[in-house]
């Protein structure tokens, strides 16, 4: 996957700053604990920069990061992580690796306890981002045996492993790519766990995987003459809402698209292959009359967004995302009924589902299905399309959809879901002018 993830800025950061930046993100996403997890980066001089042992991961600073030189000299105010031996073993076993990430997010620990690895064939591009995943038998944390076992898997070509009763390790040619693998695998794990409790999870077929390659974003280029005040305002608003979506963990760094309409023929959209969390206003792509802003690649769903805007004057913003609990319903093909509380039905209405490849082959059909009265569509195993008459309304609907999915899931766990009866829905429709 050609993921740029704003890499120039990231790669220019010192290894200790990269480590702190990624650890802050992991901790804020509740993917590690105060004492758990460790990250290392191997620099061009052979120095291994690694998180310290026993230091609060929620308040890590660049000064806390430990440097271990090739001759064994250690610089830093703390001891290196007790897991340093397996980091060193991986760098020695695979010279192409420059970063290692280890943590214990609950979903991946669940798989490690169950003796399984997550199935990445339930979500688009997950298998491409993560690659094959191995399972490593238990060994004492910090031991040479653990380092040897992990290194053995990586020598076979794996870049991600689940450690029995321990957690997971990912490694790559840079720290951000290791994080992408880790985040995507955790996302897949959480969706699979919930989906399995709802029913039998549907996998994406090899034919459907192939269909993903046919999305088009290499539109003709144009050079804008000027930037209107509305465009500049929307660029800032989009970035702020996108960061909120990341913090809410409603989509990952590599998946998810936002767009906002500027006028009848022009809209802004997220770029292809950039980490959503760190997007800046200048990164967004202007699309006008079927042409893309020169020098930029828009999301591969740009043509779908164009069709939706052309068919619906009332739609001003579009989000394509993969909120994990809603996706659990999606991959298990379990009916999602928004009739649980008035807010959910008013904002979401009755959700329809379209085929996995509909965003590629049925763009006009999707555009016709979406409207002010049908603002959301589920795409089988491929996310949710959310629309609104403003960015904030579209984002609110995305949040409400995920919150509602969580509520329904929890109610099912309790034993029963009492949907609002039809006669009360009719009262809602009349009271709020819904059609």
Protein backbone atom coordinates (compact mmCIF):
# COMPACT_ATOMS: atom_id res chain seq x y z
CA UNK A 1 0.00 0.00 0.00
CA UNK A 2 1.43 3.33 -1.03
CA UNK A 3 0.96 5.19 2.23
CA UNK A 4 2.77 8.52 2.48
CA UNK A 5 1.51 9.37 6.00
CA UNK A 6 3.08 12.85 5.89
CA UNK A 7 6.38 10.95 6.00
CA UNK A 8 8.79 13.78 5.28
CA UNK A 9 7.96 15.59 8.50
CA UNK A 10 7.88 12.40 10.54
CA UNK A 11 11.18 11.08 9.23
CA UNK A 12 12.91 14.38 9.95
CA UNK A 13 12.05 14.01 13.63
CA UNK A 14 14.75 12.66 15.94
CA UNK A 15 14.11 9.01 16.92
CA UNK A 16 13.31 9.98 20.51
CA UNK A 17 10.67 12.45 19.24
CA UNK A 18 9.21 9.82 16.95
CA UNK A 19 8.95 7.39 19.86
CA UNK A 20 7.23 9.92 22.12
CA UNK A 21 4.85 10.94 19.34
CA UNK A 22 3.73 7.36 18.64
CA UNK A 23 3.61 6.36 22.32
CA UNK A 24 1.35 9.34 23.08
CA UNK A 25 -0.98 8.13 20.37
CA UNK A 26 -0.99 4.53 21.53
CA UNK A 27 -1.63 5.55 25.12
CA UNK A 28 -4.41 8.02 24.22
CA UNK A 29 -6.09 5.27 22.15
CA UNK A 30 -6.06 2.99 25.24
CA UNK A 31 -3.81 0.53 23.43
CA UNK A 32 -1.27 0.38 26.24
CA UNK A 33 -1.10 1.06 29.96
CA UNK A 34 1.03 3.30 32.15
CA UNK A 35 3.62 0.58 32.62
CA UNK A 36 3.10 -1.52 29.50
CA UNK A 37 4.50 -1.46 25.99
CA UNK A 38 7.82 -0.47 24.50
CA UNK A 39 9.09 1.07 21.28
CA UNK A 40 12.53 1.22 19.70
CA UNK A 41 14.14 2.83 16.65
CA UNK A 42 17.48 1.84 15.13
CA UNK A 43 19.25 4.85 13.62
CA UNK A 44 21.81 5.04 10.81
CA UNK A 45 24.71 4.94 13.31
CA UNK A 46 23.54 1.67 14.83
CA UNK A 47 22.19 3.32 17.98
CA UNK A 48 19.00 1.79 19.37
CA UNK A 49 16.69 4.40 20.89
CA UNK A 50 14.20 2.72 23.20
CA UNK A 51 11.55 3.54 25.78
CA UNK A 52 12.69 3.25 29.41
CA UNK A 53 11.49 0.62 31.85
CA UNK A 54 9.16 1.58 34.69
CA UNK A 55 8.37 5.11 33.43
CA UNK A 56 4.82 6.43 32.99
CA UNK A 57 3.92 5.93 29.31
CA UNK A 58 1.23 8.58 29.60
CA UNK A 59 3.79 11.30 30.39
CA UNK A 60 6.80 10.22 28.37
CA UNK A 61 9.16 12.97 27.18
CA UNK A 62 12.07 12.92 24.69
CA UNK A 63 14.51 13.19 27.62
CA UNK A 64 13.21 9.86 28.96
CA UNK A 65 14.24 7.90 25.86
CA UNK A 66 17.33 5.72 26.28
CA UNK A 67 20.13 5.39 23.70
CA UNK A 68 22.02 2.08 23.46
CA UNK A 69 25.17 2.34 21.33
CA UNK A 70 26.69 -0.51 19.28
CA UNK A 71 29.45 -0.96 21.88
CA UNK A 72 26.83 -1.43 24.63
CA UNK A 73 27.17 2.05 26.13
CA UNK A 74 23.86 3.31 27.51
CA UNK A 75 22.94 6.99 27.63
CA UNK A 76 19.87 8.28 29.39
CA UNK A 77 18.40 8.95 32.82
CA UNK A 78 16.66 5.56 33.06
CA UNK A 79 17.22 1.89 32.44
CA UNK A 80 16.10 0.66 29.02
CA UNK A 81 12.95 -1.43 28.74
CA UNK A 82 13.27 -4.93 30.16
CA UNK A 83 12.14 -6.16 26.72
CA UNK A 84 15.25 -4.71 25.08
CA UNK A 85 16.68 -8.19 24.33
CA UNK A 86 14.01 -9.04 21.78
CA UNK A 87 14.26 -5.60 20.15
CA UNK A 88 17.99 -6.19 19.71
CA UNK A 89 17.35 -9.73 18.45
CA UNK A 90 14.96 -8.46 15.77
CA UNK A 91 17.36 -5.79 14.51
CA UNK A 92 20.14 -8.39 14.29
CA UNK A 93 17.94 -10.97 12.57
CA UNK A 94 16.43 -8.54 10.05
CA UNK A 95 18.78 -5.75 8.90
CA UNK A 96 15.91 -4.17 6.94
CA UNK A 97 14.01 -3.38 10.16
CA UNK A 98 14.46 0.03 11.75
CA UNK A 99 11.63 0.13 14.31
CA UNK A 100 9.93 -2.27 16.73
CA UNK A 101 6.66 -1.74 18.62
CA UNK A 102 5.32 -3.94 21.41
CA UNK A 103 2.13 -3.38 23.42
CA UNK A 104 -0.80 -5.13 25.10
CA UNK A 105 -4.10 -3.71 23.75
CA UNK A 106 -7.00 -5.73 25.21
CA UNK A 107 -8.30 -7.11 21.91
CA UNK A 108 -4.89 -8.42 20.84
CA UNK A 109 -4.23 -9.79 24.33
CA UNK A 110 -7.55 -11.65 23.99
CA UNK A 111 -6.27 -13.32 20.83
CA UNK A 112 -2.94 -14.08 22.51
CA UNK A 113 -4.79 -15.76 25.40
CA UNK A 114 -7.05 -17.68 23.02
CA UNK A 115 -4.06 -18.92 21.01
CA UNK A 116 -5.23 -17.22 17.80
CA UNK A 117 -4.32 -14.43 15.41
CA UNK A 118 -6.91 -11.92 14.11
CA UNK A 119 -8.39 -12.38 10.66
CA UNK A 120 -7.45 -9.37 8.53
CA UNK A 121 -9.66 -10.48 5.62
CA UNK A 122 -12.78 -8.85 7.07
CA UNK A 123 -11.76 -5.25 6.31
CA UNK A 124 -10.57 -3.56 3.11
CA UNK A 125 -6.78 -3.16 2.88
CA UNK A 126 -6.17 -4.58 6.39
CA UNK A 127 -4.36 -7.64 5.04
CA UNK A 128 -2.26 -5.38 2.80
CA UNK A 129 -1.28 -3.08 5.66
CA UNK A 130 -0.57 -5.79 8.24
CA UNK A 131 0.68 -8.66 6.10
CA UNK A 132 0.68 -12.26 7.38
CA UNK A 133 0.63 -12.66 11.18
CA UNK A 134 2.42 -15.39 13.12
CA UNK A 135 1.74 -16.83 16.59
CA UNK A 136 4.75 -17.14 18.93
CA UNK A 137 4.68 -19.63 21.86
CA UNK A 138 5.10 -18.27 25.37
CA UNK A 139 8.50 -17.45 26.82
CA UNK A 140 9.54 -15.43 29.88
CA UNK A 141 9.33 -11.65 29.21
CA UNK A 142 12.78 -10.15 28.78
CA UNK A 143 14.39 -13.56 28.27
CA UNK A 144 16.74 -14.66 25.52
CA UNK A 145 14.25 -17.42 24.67
CA UNK A 146 11.55 -14.88 23.90
CA UNK A 147 13.93 -12.88 21.72
CA UNK A 148 14.96 -16.02 19.84
CA UNK A 149 11.37 -17.11 19.24
CA UNK A 150 10.24 -13.73 17.96
CA UNK A 151 13.35 -13.38 15.79
CA UNK A 152 12.70 -16.83 14.32
CA UNK A 153 9.27 -15.68 13.11
CA UNK A 154 10.67 -12.49 11.64
CA UNK A 155 13.42 -14.39 9.83
CA UNK A 156 10.63 -16.36 8.14
CA UNK A 157 9.32 -13.06 6.76
CA UNK A 158 6.64 -12.09 9.28
CA UNK A 159 6.52 -8.44 10.35
CA UNK A 160 3.79 -8.90 12.92
CA UNK A 161 3.38 -11.57 15.58
CA UNK A 162 0.99 -12.33 18.41
CA UNK A 163 2.80 -13.51 21.55
CA UNK A 164 1.08 -16.24 23.53
CA UNK A 165 -0.34 -14.78 26.78
CA UNK A 166 1.59 -11.57 26.20
CA UNK A 167 0.51 -9.18 23.45
CA UNK A 168 1.81 -8.31 20.03
CA UNK A 169 4.98 -7.15 18.28
CA UNK A 170 5.20 -5.32 14.98
CA UNK A 171 8.32 -4.15 13.18
CA UNK A 172 9.02 -2.29 9.95
CA UNK A 173 11.46 -0.12 8.05
CA UNK A 174 10.28 2.91 10.03
CA UNK A 175 8.28 3.51 13.20
CA UNK A 176 5.20 4.87 11.54
CA UNK A 177 4.78 1.80 9.36
CA UNK A 178 5.14 -0.40 12.45
CA UNK A 179 2.40 1.69 14.09
CA UNK A 180 0.14 1.32 11.05
CA UNK A 181 0.47 -2.46 11.24
CA UNK A 182 -0.20 -2.43 14.98
CA UNK A 183 -3.20 -0.10 14.82
CA UNK A 184 -4.80 -1.92 11.88
CA UNK A 185 -4.35 -5.35 13.49
CA UNK A 186 -5.91 -4.10 16.74
CA UNK A 187 -8.84 -2.63 14.77
CA UNK A 188 -9.37 -5.94 12.99
CA UNK A 189 -9.19 -7.80 16.31
CA UNK A 190 -11.81 -5.60 17.99
CA UNK A 191 -14.20 -5.90 15.07
CA UNK A 192 -13.75 -9.66 14.85
CA UNK A 193 -14.36 -10.16 18.59
CA UNK A 194 -17.63 -8.23 18.54
CA UNK A 195 -18.67 -9.56 15.15
CA UNK A 196 -18.17 -13.15 16.32
CA UNK A 197 -20.55 -12.55 19.21
CA UNK A 198 -23.17 -11.22 16.81
CA UNK A 199 -22.93 -14.04 14.28
CA UNK A 200 -20.69 -15.57 11.65
CA UNK A 201 -18.24 -13.02 10.30
CA UNK A 202 -18.09 -12.63 6.55
CA UNK A 203 -14.67 -12.47 4.90
CA UNK A 204 -13.77 -10.34 1.91
CA UNK A 205 -13.25 -12.61 -1.10
CA UNK A 206 -10.14 -12.58 -3.27
CA UNK A 207 -12.27 -11.15 -6.09
CA UNK A 208 -13.43 -8.31 -3.84
CA UNK A 209 -9.85 -7.60 -2.77
CA UNK A 210 -8.99 -7.33 -6.44
CA UNK A 211 -11.85 -4.88 -6.95
CA UNK A 212 -10.23 -2.44 -4.51
CA UNK A 213 -7.41 -1.91 -6.99
CA UNK A 214 -9.84 -0.41 -9.49
CA UNK A 215 -10.74 2.67 -7.45
CA UNK A 216 -9.75 5.75 -9.41
CA UNK A 217 -8.15 8.92 -8.10
CA UNK A 218 -5.77 9.90 -10.91
CA UNK A 219 -8.11 12.55 -12.24
CA UNK A 220 -7.00 15.27 -14.69
CA UNK A 221 -5.11 18.06 -12.93
CA UNK A 222 -5.89 21.74 -12.68
CA UNK A 223 -4.23 24.67 -10.94
CA UNK A 224 -6.62 26.78 -8.84
CA UNK A 225 -6.51 30.49 -9.63
CA UNK A 226 -7.32 31.50 -6.09
CA UNK A 227 -8.62 30.16 -2.76
CA UNK A 228 -11.95 31.50 -1.57
CA UNK A 229 -12.65 32.36 2.05
CA UNK A 230 -15.10 29.43 2.22
CA UNK A 231 -12.46 27.01 0.95
CA UNK A 232 -9.92 28.22 3.51
CA UNK A 233 -12.47 27.97 6.29
CA UNK A 234 -13.47 24.45 5.25
CA UNK A 235 -9.85 23.32 5.11
CA UNK A 236 -9.42 24.23 8.80
CA UNK A 237 -12.79 22.78 9.81
CA UNK A 238 -12.09 19.50 8.03
CA UNK A 239 -8.74 19.03 9.75
CA UNK A 240 -10.23 19.75 13.17
CA UNK A 241 -13.13 17.31 12.69
CA UNK A 242 -10.83 14.66 11.22
CA UNK A 243 -8.57 14.83 14.26
CA UNK A 244 -11.62 14.44 16.50
CA UNK A 245 -12.62 11.37 14.52
CA UNK A 246 -9.15 9.89 15.03
CA UNK A 247 -9.26 10.62 18.76
CA UNK A 248 -12.66 8.96 18.95
CA UNK A 249 -11.09 5.99 17.15
CA UNK A 250 -13.83 5.96 14.50
CA UNK A 251 -11.34 5.25 11.75
CA UNK A 252 -7.65 4.39 11.48
CA UNK A 253 -4.63 6.29 10.22
CA UNK A 254 -4.83 4.51 6.86
CA UNK A 255 -8.58 4.24 6.23
CA UNK A 256 -11.42 6.77 6.09
CA UNK A 257 -12.35 9.72 3.92
CA UNK A 258 -13.82 13.17 4.60
CA UNK A 259 -15.08 15.70 2.10
CA UNK A 260 -16.96 19.01 2.19
CA UNK A 261 -18.71 20.85 -0.61
CA UNK A 262 -17.57 24.35 -1.60
CA UNK A 263 -20.04 24.96 -4.43
CA UNK A 264 -22.07 23.04 -7.03
CA UNK A 265 -19.03 21.54 -8.78
CA UNK A 266 -16.21 21.83 -6.23
CA UNK A 267 -15.34 20.08 -2.98
CA UNK A 268 -12.40 19.39 -0.67
CA UNK A 269 -11.40 15.81 0.14
CA UNK A 270 -8.77 14.00 2.18
CA UNK A 271 -5.60 12.99 0.26
CA UNK A 272 -4.76 9.40 -0.55
CA UNK A 273 -2.24 7.71 1.72
CA UNK A 274 -1.84 10.40 4.40
CA UNK A 275 -2.22 9.79 8.10
CA UNK A 276 -5.50 11.43 9.02
CA UNK A 277 -4.34 12.42 12.51
CA UNK A 278 -1.66 14.78 11.23
CA UNK A 279 -3.42 16.31 8.23
CA UNK A 280 -2.96 20.03 7.73
CA UNK A 281 -5.22 22.36 5.68
CA UNK A 282 -2.73 22.46 2.80
CA UNK A 283 -2.77 18.63 2.53
CA UNK A 284 -6.45 18.49 1.53
CA UNK A 285 -7.22 18.12 -2.16
CA UNK A 286 -9.48 20.44 -4.13
CA UNK A 287 -11.62 18.61 -6.71
CA UNK A 288 -13.51 20.70 -9.26
CA UNK A 289 -15.54 19.55 -12.25
CA UNK A 290 -13.87 16.13 -12.19
CA UNK A 291 -10.31 17.50 -11.94
CA UNK A 292 -7.92 17.32 -9.00
CA UNK A 293 -5.68 20.00 -7.58
CA UNK A 294 -2.31 19.79 -9.34
CA UNK A 295 0.35 17.73 -7.57
CA UNK A 296 -2.07 16.00 -5.17
CA UNK A 297 -3.86 12.65 -5.15
CA UNK A 298 -7.34 12.64 -3.61
CA UNK A 299 -8.91 9.70 -1.82
CA UNK A 300 -9.70 6.82 -4.13
CA UNK A 301 -13.40 7.38 -3.43
CA UNK A 302 -13.28 10.90 -4.92
CA UNK A 303 -15.52 10.01 -7.87
CA UNK A 304 -18.13 8.54 -5.52
CA UNK A 305 -18.18 11.80 -3.53
CA UNK A 306 -18.53 13.72 -6.78
CA UNK A 307 -21.58 11.65 -7.78
CA UNK A 308 -23.21 12.12 -4.37
CA UNK A 309 -22.79 15.90 -4.42
CA UNK A 310 -24.04 16.13 -8.00
CA UNK A 311 -27.21 14.20 -7.12
CA UNK A 312 -28.01 15.83 -3.76
CA UNK A 313 -28.15 19.59 -3.30
CA UNK A 314 -28.87 19.14 0.43
CA UNK A 315 -25.67 17.18 1.14
CA UNK A 316 -22.73 19.39 2.13
CA UNK A 317 -20.37 16.84 3.75
CA UNK A 318 -19.55 13.15 3.35
CA UNK A 319 -17.64 10.77 5.63
CA UNK A 320 -16.58 7.21 4.83
CA UNK A 321 -15.38 5.49 8.00
CA UNK A 322 -15.11 2.14 9.77
CA UNK A 323 -16.38 2.66 13.35
CA UNK A 324 -15.54 -0.64 15.06
CA UNK A 325 -18.83 -1.62 16.71
CA UNK A 326 -20.93 -0.65 13.71
CA UNK A 327 -18.46 -2.61 11.57
CA UNK A 328 -19.02 -5.64 13.82
CA UNK A 329 -22.68 -5.56 12.75
CA UNK A 330 -21.56 -4.99 9.18
CA UNK A 331 -19.15 -7.92 8.91
CA UNK A 332 -21.52 -10.29 10.74
CA UNK A 333 -24.46 -9.22 8.54
CA UNK A 334 -26.50 -8.69 11.72
CA UNK A 335 -29.35 -6.22 11.35
CA UNK A 336 -28.63 -2.79 12.83
CA UNK A 337 -31.88 -1.22 14.06
CA UNK A 338 -31.59 2.50 14.80
CA UNK A 339 -34.98 2.51 16.55
CA UNK A 340 -33.53 2.34 20.04
CA UNK A 341 -33.76 5.95 21.24
CA UNK A 342 -35.38 8.96 19.54
CA UNK A 343 -32.05 10.69 18.79
CA UNK A 344 -30.71 7.65 16.97
CA UNK A 345 -33.73 7.30 14.70
CA UNK A 346 -34.03 11.04 14.04
CA UNK A 347 -30.37 11.31 12.99
CA UNK A 348 -29.84 7.93 11.34
CA UNK A 349 -33.26 6.75 10.08
CA UNK A 350 -33.44 3.19 8.76
CA UNK A 351 -30.02 2.10 7.51
CA UNK A 352 -29.70 0.26 4.21
CA UNK A 353 -26.76 -1.92 3.14
CA UNK A 354 -25.11 -2.02 -0.29
CA UNK A 355 -22.68 -4.55 -1.71
CA UNK A 356 -18.94 -4.44 -1.01
CA UNK A 357 -18.07 -3.25 -4.50
CA UNK A 358 -20.96 -0.77 -4.86
CA UNK A 359 -18.68 2.25 -4.24
CA UNK A 360 -16.70 1.16 -7.29
CA UNK A 361 -19.36 -0.09 -9.70
CA UNK A 362 -22.61 1.48 -8.47
CA UNK A 363 -21.67 5.06 -7.65
CA UNK A 364 -24.76 6.59 -9.27
CA UNK A 365 -26.98 4.09 -7.44
CA UNK A 366 -25.40 5.06 -4.10
CA UNK A 367 -25.84 8.74 -4.94
CA UNK A 368 -29.56 8.11 -5.55
CA UNK A 369 -29.99 6.15 -2.32
CA UNK A 370 -28.49 8.90 -0.16
CA UNK A 371 -30.58 11.92 0.73
CA UNK A 372 -31.60 14.10 3.68
CA UNK A 373 -34.10 11.37 4.60
CA UNK A 374 -31.62 8.52 4.05
CA UNK A 375 -28.34 10.04 5.22
CA UNK A 376 -26.36 6.84 5.91
CA UNK A 377 -25.50 3.67 4.03
CA UNK A 378 -23.63 0.61 5.24
CA UNK A 379 -21.21 -0.93 2.74
CA UNK A 380 -20.82 -4.68 3.27
CA UNK A 381 -17.41 -5.24 4.97
CA UNK A 382 -16.33 -1.88 3.55
CA UNK A 383 -17.41 0.82 5.98
CA UNK A 384 -20.23 3.30 6.33
CA UNK A 385 -21.08 6.38 4.23
CA UNK A 386 -22.41 9.23 6.37
CA UNK A 387 -23.74 12.50 4.96
CA UNK A 388 -24.97 15.78 6.40
CA UNK A 389 -25.95 19.34 5.63
CA UNK A 390 -22.74 20.38 7.41
CA UNK A 391 -19.49 18.81 8.53
CA UNK A 392 -20.66 18.84 12.13
CA UNK A 393 -23.93 17.11 11.32
CA UNK A 394 -22.16 14.37 9.36
CA UNK A 395 -19.70 13.85 12.22
CA UNK A 396 -22.52 13.82 14.77
CA UNK A 397 -24.29 11.14 12.77
CA UNK A 398 -21.10 9.07 12.65
CA UNK A 399 -20.73 9.31 16.43
CA UNK A 400 -24.40 8.53 17.04
CA UNK A 401 -24.20 5.51 14.72
CA UNK A 402 -21.25 4.07 16.66
CA UNK A 403 -22.77 4.89 20.07
CA UNK A 404 -26.03 3.27 19.00
CA UNK A 405 -24.21 0.17 17.77
CA UNK A 406 -22.44 -0.09 21.13
CA UNK A 407 -25.75 0.28 22.98
CA UNK A 408 -27.43 -2.43 20.87
CA UNK A 409 -24.44 -4.73 21.28
CA UNK A 410 -24.51 -4.28 25.06
CA UNK A 411 -28.27 -4.79 25.17
CA UNK A 412 -27.84 -8.05 23.26
CA UNK A 413 -25.28 -9.08 25.87
CA UNK A 414 -27.88 -8.34 28.56
CA UNK A 415 -30.32 -10.56 26.70
CA UNK A 416 -32.84 -8.37 24.91
CA UNK A 417 -33.20 -5.36 22.60
CA UNK A 418 -36.51 -3.52 22.89
CA UNK A 419 -36.81 -1.37 19.79
CA UNK A 420 -39.17 1.62 19.76
CA UNK A 421 -42.58 0.36 18.50
CA UNK A 422 -43.85 1.48 15.09
CA UNK A 423 -46.57 3.72 16.50
CA UNK A 424 -43.98 5.67 18.51
CA UNK A 425 -41.80 5.96 15.40
CA UNK A 426 -44.80 7.39 13.55
CA UNK A 427 -45.18 9.98 16.34
CA UNK A 428 -41.51 10.89 15.97
CA UNK A 429 -41.90 11.30 12.23
CA UNK A 430 -44.88 13.59 12.71
CA UNK A 431 -43.41 15.60 15.61
CA UNK A 432 -40.05 16.25 13.92
CA UNK A 433 -41.27 16.57 10.33
CA UNK A 434 -39.44 13.47 9.14
CA UNK A 435 -40.35 11.80 5.88
